[in-house]
Protein backbone atom coordinates (compact mmCIF):
# COMPACT_ATOMS: atom_id res chain seq x y z
CA UNK A 1 -41.79 -49.24 -17.00
CA UNK A 2 -39.63 -47.26 -14.33
CA UNK A 3 -39.53 -44.41 -11.45
CA UNK A 4 -40.75 -46.85 -8.58
CA UNK A 5 -38.15 -48.01 -5.46
CA UNK A 6 -37.14 -51.55 -5.27
CA UNK A 7 -40.17 -52.66 -3.46
CA UNK A 8 -42.90 -50.89 -5.61
CA UNK A 9 -41.13 -51.50 -8.87
CA UNK A 10 -42.98 -54.55 -9.47
CA UNK A 11 -46.35 -52.71 -9.42
CA UNK A 12 -44.92 -50.84 -12.85
CA UNK A 13 -45.85 -54.01 -14.31
CA UNK A 14 -48.11 -55.56 -12.27
CA UNK A 15 -80.09 -32.52 -7.41
CA UNK A 16 -95.19 -21.38 -9.11
CA UNK A 17 -97.92 -19.93 -8.55
CA UNK A 18 -100.29 -18.98 -11.12
CA UNK A 19 -99.36 -15.20 -11.84
CA UNK A 20 -101.75 -12.49 -10.85
CA UNK A 21 -104.57 -11.18 -13.29
CA UNK A 22 -103.38 -7.91 -14.74
CA UNK A 23 -105.13 -4.86 -13.54
CA UNK A 24 -104.71 -3.81 -17.26
CA UNK A 25 -107.60 -6.32 -18.52
CA UNK A 26 -109.60 -5.58 -15.27
CA UNK A 27 -109.97 -1.85 -15.46
CA UNK A 28 -110.83 -2.22 -19.47
CA UNK A 29 -113.55 -4.98 -18.07
CA UNK A 30 -115.05 -2.90 -15.68
CA UNK A 31 -115.34 -0.07 -18.23
CA UNK A 32 -117.15 -2.38 -20.64
CA UNK A 33 -119.46 -3.25 -17.62
CA UNK A 34 -120.10 0.31 -17.03
CA UNK A 35 -120.94 1.32 -20.42
CA UNK A 36 -123.46 -1.74 -20.82
CA UNK A 37 -125.13 -0.52 -17.49
CA UNK A 38 -125.23 2.96 -18.90
CA UNK A 39 -126.84 1.51 -22.10
CA UNK A 40 -129.66 -0.06 -20.16
CA UNK A 41 -130.60 2.98 -18.22
CA UNK A 42 -131.14 4.80 -21.73
CA UNK A 43 -133.00 2.24 -22.90
CA UNK A 44 -135.67 2.12 -19.90
CA UNK A 45 -135.67 5.98 -20.57
CA UNK A 46 -136.71 5.62 -24.08
CA UNK A 47 -139.46 2.85 -23.16
CA UNK A 48 -140.99 5.43 -20.26
CA UNK A 49 -141.19 8.21 -22.90
CA UNK A 50 -142.80 6.15 -25.72
CA UNK A 51 -145.66 4.78 -23.47
CA UNK A 52 -146.08 8.35 -21.71
CA UNK A 53 -149.23 10.44 -22.75
CA UNK A 54 -147.02 13.40 -24.00
CA UNK A 55 -145.33 11.21 -26.62
CA UNK A 56 -145.53 13.71 -29.58
CA UNK A 57 -144.08 16.52 -27.44
CA UNK A 58 -140.86 14.28 -26.58
CA UNK A 59 -139.93 13.15 -30.21
CA UNK A 60 -136.62 15.29 -29.81
CA UNK A 61 -135.75 13.20 -26.35
CA UNK A 62 -136.46 10.12 -28.21
CA UNK A 63 -134.00 10.77 -30.98
CA UNK A 64 -131.56 11.74 -28.54
CA UNK A 65 -131.85 8.55 -26.52
CA UNK A 66 -131.57 6.37 -29.38
CA UNK A 67 -128.48 8.12 -30.43
CA UNK A 68 -127.03 7.43 -26.95
CA UNK A 69 -127.80 3.98 -27.26
CA UNK A 70 -126.05 3.51 -30.39
CA UNK A 71 -122.98 4.90 -29.08
CA UNK A 72 -123.33 2.37 -26.01
CA UNK A 73 -123.17 -0.45 -28.39
CA UNK A 74 -120.37 0.96 -30.69
CA UNK A 75 -118.32 1.31 -27.27
CA UNK A 76 -118.78 -2.12 -25.80
CA UNK A 77 -116.82 -4.09 -28.65
CA UNK A 78 -114.06 -1.25 -28.59
CA UNK A 79 -113.45 -2.03 -25.00
CA UNK A 80 -113.30 -5.77 -25.56
CA UNK A 81 -110.78 -5.15 -28.63
CA UNK A 82 -108.54 -3.06 -26.48
CA UNK A 83 -108.93 -5.55 -23.68
CA UNK A 84 -107.29 -8.52 -25.93
CA UNK A 85 -104.36 -6.39 -27.52
CA UNK A 86 -101.20 -7.81 -26.19
CA UNK A 87 -98.54 -5.70 -24.41
CA UNK A 88 -95.85 -3.99 -26.25
CA UNK A 89 -92.43 -5.39 -25.61
CA UNK A 90 -90.75 -3.83 -22.55
CA UNK A 91 -88.36 -1.01 -23.14
CA UNK A 92 -87.27 -0.09 -26.83
CA UNK A 93 -87.29 -3.58 -28.18
CA UNK A 94 -89.26 -3.80 -31.35
CA UNK A 95 -91.67 -6.79 -31.51
CA UNK A 96 -89.30 -8.32 -34.31
CA UNK A 97 -86.34 -8.56 -32.05
CA UNK A 98 -87.94 -9.64 -29.22
CA UNK A 99 -87.66 -13.60 -29.85
CA UNK A 100 -84.09 -13.45 -30.98
CA UNK A 101 -83.13 -11.75 -27.51
CA UNK A 102 -85.24 -14.74 -25.78
CA UNK A 103 -82.79 -17.16 -27.63
CA UNK A 104 -85.08 -18.81 -30.30
CA UNK A 105 -83.68 -20.99 -32.88
CA UNK A 106 -83.40 -18.19 -35.32
CA UNK A 107 -80.80 -16.45 -32.80
CA UNK A 108 -78.43 -19.50 -32.53
CA UNK A 109 -75.59 -20.17 -34.45
CA UNK A 110 -75.84 -23.97 -36.14
CA UNK A 111 -73.51 -26.30 -34.79
CA UNK A 112 -70.71 -28.38 -36.47
CA UNK A 113 -71.46 -31.73 -37.39
CA UNK A 114 -68.82 -33.17 -35.16
CA UNK A 115 -69.40 -31.06 -32.00
CA UNK A 116 -69.59 -34.49 -29.83
CA UNK A 117 -66.07 -35.55 -30.80
CA UNK A 118 -64.75 -31.99 -30.69
CA UNK A 119 -65.98 -31.42 -26.93
CA UNK A 120 -64.56 -34.70 -25.74
CA UNK A 121 -61.16 -33.87 -27.37
CA UNK A 122 -61.43 -30.77 -25.25
CA UNK A 123 -62.24 -32.72 -22.21
CA UNK A 124 -59.44 -35.31 -22.61
CA UNK A 125 -56.83 -32.65 -23.61
CA UNK A 126 -57.47 -30.22 -20.90
CA UNK A 127 -54.79 -29.33 -18.50
CA UNK A 128 -56.61 -30.13 -15.46
CA UNK A 129 -56.02 -34.06 -15.18
CA UNK A 130 -59.19 -34.48 -13.51
CA UNK A 131 -61.21 -33.72 -16.40
CA UNK A 132 -60.07 -36.62 -17.97
CA UNK A 133 -60.43 -38.90 -15.07
CA UNK A 134 -63.84 -37.85 -14.31
CA UNK A 135 -65.04 -38.54 -18.14
CA UNK A 136 -63.45 -42.11 -17.79
CA UNK A 137 -65.62 -42.22 -14.66
CA UNK A 138 -68.80 -41.06 -16.11
CA UNK A 139 -68.40 -43.51 -18.91
CA UNK A 140 -68.00 -46.44 -16.66
CA UNK A 141 -70.75 -45.28 -14.80
CA UNK A 142 -72.99 -45.26 -17.77
CA UNK A 143 -72.32 -48.94 -18.28
CA UNK A 144 -72.75 -51.35 -21.23
CA UNK A 145 -75.74 -49.06 -22.74
CA UNK A 146 -72.96 -46.53 -24.64
CA UNK A 147 -71.15 -49.61 -26.17
CA UNK A 148 -72.28 -48.66 -29.46
CA UNK A 149 -71.52 -45.06 -28.97
CA UNK A 150 -67.99 -46.05 -28.10
CA UNK A 151 -67.39 -48.15 -30.98
CA UNK A 152 -68.22 -45.28 -33.41
CA UNK A 153 -65.93 -43.06 -31.23
CA UNK A 154 -63.07 -45.46 -31.91
CA UNK A 155 -63.37 -44.12 -35.68
CA UNK A 156 -62.07 -40.71 -34.76
CA UNK A 157 -58.29 -40.21 -34.04
CA UNK A 158 -59.15 -37.51 -31.47
CA UNK A 159 -61.66 -40.02 -29.31
CA UNK A 160 -60.03 -43.61 -30.11
CA UNK A 161 -57.89 -43.81 -27.12
CA UNK A 162 -60.94 -42.56 -24.90
CA UNK A 163 -63.09 -45.33 -26.60
CA UNK A 164 -60.86 -48.23 -26.34
CA UNK A 165 -60.16 -47.62 -22.62
CA UNK A 166 -63.79 -47.03 -21.78
CA UNK A 167 -64.38 -50.37 -23.48
CA UNK A 168 -61.78 -52.28 -21.55
CA UNK A 169 -63.34 -50.67 -18.28
CA UNK A 170 -66.75 -51.40 -19.03
CA UNK A 171 -65.98 -55.05 -20.28
CA UNK A 172 -68.63 -57.62 -21.43
CA UNK A 173 -68.45 -59.57 -24.32
CA UNK A 174 -69.63 -57.36 -26.47
CA UNK A 175 -66.71 -54.93 -25.79
CA UNK A 176 -64.40 -57.50 -26.02
CA UNK A 177 -65.21 -58.21 -29.57
CA UNK A 178 -64.86 -54.79 -30.37
CA UNK A 179 -61.53 -54.53 -29.19
CA UNK A 180 -60.61 -57.66 -30.60
CA UNK A 181 -60.93 -56.04 -34.12
CA UNK A 182 -58.40 -53.34 -33.08
CA UNK A 183 -55.84 -56.04 -33.54
CA UNK A 184 -56.00 -55.02 -37.31
CA UNK A 185 -56.16 -51.08 -36.75
CA UNK A 186 -53.62 -49.59 -39.32
CA UNK A 187 -53.31 -46.16 -37.41
CA UNK A 188 -50.38 -45.42 -35.59
CA UNK A 189 -52.53 -45.49 -32.45
CA UNK A 190 -51.69 -48.87 -31.17
CA UNK A 191 -54.98 -49.46 -29.59
CA UNK A 192 -54.67 -53.09 -29.69
CA UNK A 193 -52.86 -52.63 -26.30
CA UNK A 194 -56.29 -52.20 -24.75
CA UNK A 195 -57.35 -55.51 -26.12
CA UNK A 196 -54.50 -57.26 -24.55
CA UNK A 197 -55.08 -55.65 -21.08
CA UNK A 198 -58.56 -56.68 -21.22
CA UNK A 199 -57.83 -60.11 -21.76
CA UNK A 200 -56.59 -60.12 -17.95
CA UNK A 201 -59.93 -61.54 -16.87
CA UNK A 202 -60.18 -64.35 -19.21
CA UNK A 203 -58.44 -67.19 -17.88
CA UNK A 204 -59.12 -69.13 -20.92
CA UNK A 205 -55.84 -71.04 -22.65
CA UNK A 206 -56.49 -68.99 -25.89
CA UNK A 207 -56.47 -65.71 -24.00
CA UNK A 208 -53.15 -66.63 -22.26
CA UNK A 209 -51.82 -68.06 -25.39
CA UNK A 210 -52.50 -64.67 -27.16
CA UNK A 211 -50.61 -62.62 -24.38
CA UNK A 212 -47.57 -64.59 -24.77
CA UNK A 213 -47.76 -64.26 -28.49
CA UNK A 214 -47.45 -60.51 -27.76
CA UNK A 215 -44.78 -61.10 -25.18
CA UNK A 216 -42.51 -63.29 -27.69
CA UNK A 217 -42.82 -60.96 -30.31
CA UNK A 218 -41.71 -57.90 -28.13
CA UNK A 219 -38.65 -57.41 -30.18
CA UNK A 220 -40.30 -56.68 -33.22
CA UNK A 221 -43.02 -54.29 -31.56
CA UNK A 222 -42.07 -50.85 -32.14
CA UNK A 223 -44.30 -49.88 -29.08
CA UNK A 224 -43.07 -51.09 -26.02
CA UNK A 225 -46.41 -50.37 -23.97
CA UNK A 226 -48.17 -52.99 -26.14
CA UNK A 227 -45.99 -55.57 -24.73
CA UNK A 228 -46.21 -54.11 -21.08
CA UNK A 229 -50.00 -54.19 -21.34
CA UNK A 230 -49.72 -57.90 -21.86
CA UNK A 231 -47.22 -58.44 -18.89
CA UNK A 232 -49.57 -56.15 -16.69
CA UNK A 233 -52.36 -58.71 -17.78
CA UNK A 234 -50.55 -61.80 -16.57
CA UNK A 235 -50.06 -60.10 -13.16
CA UNK A 236 -53.72 -60.44 -12.20
CA UNK A 237 -53.69 -64.23 -12.40
CA UNK A 238 -52.52 -67.01 -9.90
CA UNK A 239 -51.93 -69.71 -12.25
CA UNK A 240 -49.21 -71.93 -11.30
CA UNK A 241 -48.64 -72.68 -14.96
CA UNK A 242 -47.56 -69.49 -15.92
CA UNK A 243 -44.48 -69.65 -14.32
CA UNK A 244 -42.83 -71.85 -16.85
CA UNK A 245 -44.56 -69.97 -19.87
CA UNK A 246 -42.64 -66.84 -18.33
CA UNK A 247 -39.64 -68.75 -18.15
CA UNK A 248 -39.76 -69.64 -21.52
CA UNK A 249 -40.54 -66.07 -22.76
CA UNK A 250 -37.63 -64.72 -21.25
CA UNK A 251 -35.46 -67.18 -23.09
CA UNK A 252 -37.07 -65.59 -26.29
CA UNK A 253 -36.82 -62.09 -25.54
CA UNK A 254 -33.71 -59.82 -26.01
CA UNK A 255 -35.23 -56.62 -24.94
CA UNK A 256 -33.64 -55.82 -21.34
CA UNK A 257 -36.45 -53.98 -20.08
CA UNK A 258 -39.38 -56.40 -21.12
CA UNK A 259 -37.19 -59.23 -19.49
CA UNK A 260 -36.88 -57.26 -16.29
CA UNK A 261 -40.77 -56.85 -16.51
CA UNK A 262 -41.38 -60.58 -17.03
CA UNK A 263 -39.09 -60.92 -13.79
CA UNK A 264 -40.99 -58.87 -11.63
CA UNK A 265 -44.29 -60.18 -12.97
CA UNK A 266 -43.36 -63.74 -11.98
CA UNK A 267 -42.21 -62.37 -8.64
CA UNK A 268 -45.55 -60.72 -8.04
CA UNK A 269 -47.92 -63.98 -9.25
CA UNK A 270 -45.66 -66.28 -6.84
CA UNK A 271 -45.88 -63.97 -3.82
CA UNK A 272 -49.67 -63.53 -4.19
CA UNK A 273 -49.97 -67.27 -4.55
CA UNK A 274 -48.39 -68.09 -1.57
CA UNK A 275 -50.32 -65.26 0.51
CA UNK A 276 -53.81 -66.75 -0.82
CA UNK A 277 -52.63 -70.15 0.27
CA UNK A 278 -51.88 -68.99 3.73
CA UNK A 279 -54.07 -68.71 6.75
CA UNK A 280 -54.06 -64.84 6.61
CA UNK A 281 -54.75 -65.01 2.77
CA UNK A 282 -57.64 -67.33 3.34
CA UNK A 283 -59.30 -64.87 5.86
CA UNK A 284 -58.54 -61.91 3.79
CA UNK A 285 -62.18 -61.52 2.76
CA UNK A 286 -64.13 -60.44 -0.43
CA UNK A 287 -64.45 -56.71 -0.01
CA UNK A 288 -63.22 -54.18 -2.40
CA UNK A 289 -60.53 -52.86 -0.20
CA UNK A 290 -59.35 -56.67 0.48
CA UNK A 291 -59.00 -57.25 -3.22
CA UNK A 292 -57.20 -54.26 -3.87
CA UNK A 293 -54.79 -55.24 -0.99
CA UNK A 294 -54.66 -58.91 -2.03
CA UNK A 295 -53.50 -57.50 -5.71
CA UNK A 296 -50.70 -55.44 -4.22
CA UNK A 297 -49.77 -57.98 -1.17
CA UNK A 298 -46.17 -58.36 -2.72
CA UNK A 299 -45.24 -54.82 -2.30
CA UNK A 300 -47.03 -54.51 1.16
CA UNK A 301 -45.05 -57.67 2.68
CA UNK A 302 -41.56 -57.27 4.16
CA UNK A 303 -38.95 -58.47 1.58
CA UNK A 304 -37.66 -62.18 2.49
CA UNK A 305 -34.13 -61.75 4.45
CA UNK A 306 -31.26 -61.92 2.65
CA UNK A 307 -29.15 -65.46 3.36
CA UNK A 308 -26.02 -63.48 3.72
CA UNK A 309 -27.48 -60.71 6.22
CA UNK A 310 -29.83 -62.97 8.04
CA UNK A 311 -30.10 -62.47 11.80
CA UNK A 312 -32.00 -65.27 13.84
CA UNK A 313 -35.03 -64.08 15.57
CA UNK A 314 -35.12 -60.78 13.82
CA UNK A 315 -38.29 -59.42 11.89
CA UNK A 316 -37.78 -58.32 8.60
CA UNK A 317 -38.59 -54.27 8.75
CA UNK A 318 -41.66 -53.53 7.09
CA UNK A 319 -41.61 -51.49 3.87
CA UNK A 320 -42.89 -48.02 3.98
CA UNK A 321 -45.53 -48.22 1.45
CA UNK A 322 -48.69 -46.63 1.32
CA UNK A 323 -51.49 -47.63 -0.67
CA UNK A 324 -54.64 -45.96 -1.04
CA UNK A 325 -57.89 -45.97 -2.99
CA UNK A 326 -58.34 -42.49 -4.21
CA UNK A 327 -61.79 -42.94 -6.12
CA UNK A 328 -64.26 -45.82 -6.48
CA UNK A 329 -66.97 -45.88 -9.07
CA UNK A 330 -69.49 -48.58 -9.86
CA UNK A 331 -71.44 -49.84 -12.72
CA UNK A 332 -75.22 -49.76 -13.09
CA UNK A 333 -75.67 -53.14 -11.90
CA UNK A 334 -73.42 -52.62 -9.09
CA UNK A 335 -71.05 -55.97 -10.03
CA UNK A 336 -68.32 -54.35 -11.36
CA UNK A 337 -66.00 -51.35 -10.19
CA UNK A 338 -63.58 -49.16 -10.98
CA UNK A 339 -60.74 -47.99 -8.40
CA UNK A 340 -58.14 -45.03 -8.64
CA UNK A 341 -55.10 -46.53 -6.49
CA UNK A 342 -51.92 -44.69 -5.73
CA UNK A 343 -49.03 -46.86 -4.54
CA UNK A 344 -46.47 -44.77 -2.82
CA UNK A 345 -42.98 -45.50 -1.07
CA UNK A 346 -40.21 -43.31 -0.16
CA UNK A 347 -38.69 -42.84 -3.40
CA UNK A 348 -41.73 -42.54 -6.11
CA UNK A 349 -45.48 -42.80 -6.43
CA UNK A 350 -47.57 -44.37 -9.03
CA UNK A 351 -51.17 -44.43 -10.00
CA UNK A 352 -53.28 -47.08 -11.08
CA UNK A 353 -56.53 -48.00 -12.44
CA UNK A 354 -57.90 -51.26 -11.23
CA UNK A 355 -61.12 -52.88 -12.39
CA UNK A 356 -62.93 -55.41 -10.02
CA UNK A 357 -65.54 -57.88 -10.76
CA UNK A 358 -68.22 -59.56 -7.92
CA UNK A 359 -68.15 -63.23 -8.29
CA UNK A 360 -70.17 -65.42 -5.80
CA UNK A 361 -70.40 -62.35 -3.47
CA UNK A 362 -66.56 -61.67 -3.47
CA UNK A 363 -64.94 -58.93 -5.24
CA UNK A 364 -61.70 -59.82 -7.18
CA UNK A 365 -59.44 -57.45 -9.47
CA UNK A 366 -59.81 -58.61 -13.11
CA UNK A 367 -57.79 -55.91 -14.97
CA UNK A 368 -54.91 -53.48 -14.13
CA UNK A 369 -54.11 -50.40 -15.90
CA UNK A 370 -50.89 -48.40 -15.14
CA UNK A 371 -51.22 -44.38 -14.75
CA UNK A 372 -48.88 -41.85 -14.33
CA UNK A 373 -45.59 -42.35 -12.40
CA UNK A 374 -43.40 -39.72 -10.41
CA UNK A 375 -40.21 -39.87 -8.72
CA UNK A 376 -39.93 -38.14 -5.27
CA UNK A 377 -37.25 -35.58 -4.96
CA UNK A 378 -34.33 -37.05 -2.96
CA UNK A 379 -34.24 -35.95 0.62
CA UNK A 380 -31.68 -33.65 1.49
CA UNK A 381 -29.44 -34.68 4.54
CA UNK A 382 -29.40 -32.50 7.42
CA UNK A 383 -26.49 -29.99 7.22
CA UNK A 384 -23.74 -30.60 9.65
CA UNK A 385 -23.20 -28.01 12.64
CA UNK A 386 -20.17 -25.96 12.16
CA UNK A 387 -17.14 -27.19 13.93
CA UNK A 388 -16.16 -24.90 16.65
CA UNK A 389 -12.29 -24.12 16.63
């Protein structure tokens, strides 16, 4: 882990109205009512004719009236039938084609069985880094309810790393038990590093022993990021016993990079311990901002003066370090937070994901995950003015 300046390199480890009645139906309804009224008038005419004195002379008129009445009775059902007939589809679309255009199930192609994994893989491999970051934060915000689904996602190589990292972010004994099994994972994904990183928030002796077993075997570990995850987990601690264990590990490790990381981790732990014991550290408070600052305090404090160049009554220069929380996501219960943090010095910038836990009303960093690092281009010195002859 490299790419930071001298002062910050330590942290490379560390959101209707009802439709109007159709005029089409009303017109037919009026027609039916009008026809019925005409029929009643004809029946009244028949009655007056049959009761008259000249009924025999009116037989032709009676027959004509009866015929008109039959026609009225025939027309009324016909009007009702026309009123109930559904309107035809608009335009030239046939009734058979209409449901398909409306998007029914018959008009949709079947989805592949692994569409969920394929969708996640597309998001995770998108060129826009914000897509991947947003997905991790969505999983963290969903909380422990998605742990069973994340456990299933571990089985697919395309989503395994996402699932392991999300489990480490979310935390809990259930998530840790799933991550513990990754030590025996036979794939070349080295997912066990997420288990070692998650052990940072467990201060039990067994967790500490596991981390140092990984560090002591670093020379035989083909993937250096596995060992670095274990070392970074140690930087969260403030246990004074860690100093002796780190010194012992340095003697067992031949990898120069790992030994350098161990030395930086030890400096981080010791400087933070002294800060927490100081009056300033005791008044730091328990907010999220204070917890993040406390973790990075060794990089934010001025370096100790060199014995050879020390000048009396001279305050050491404050390092040009910029620490900023870029994003903050909370768990469903509000007791856990995921902070995206950038640490920037004049020569480089490093990105971190810090998991914080609220305990007894105070926030504290429980695990740290190093993200992308980038060196800044070297400053171009100002050109000298031309010398006049």
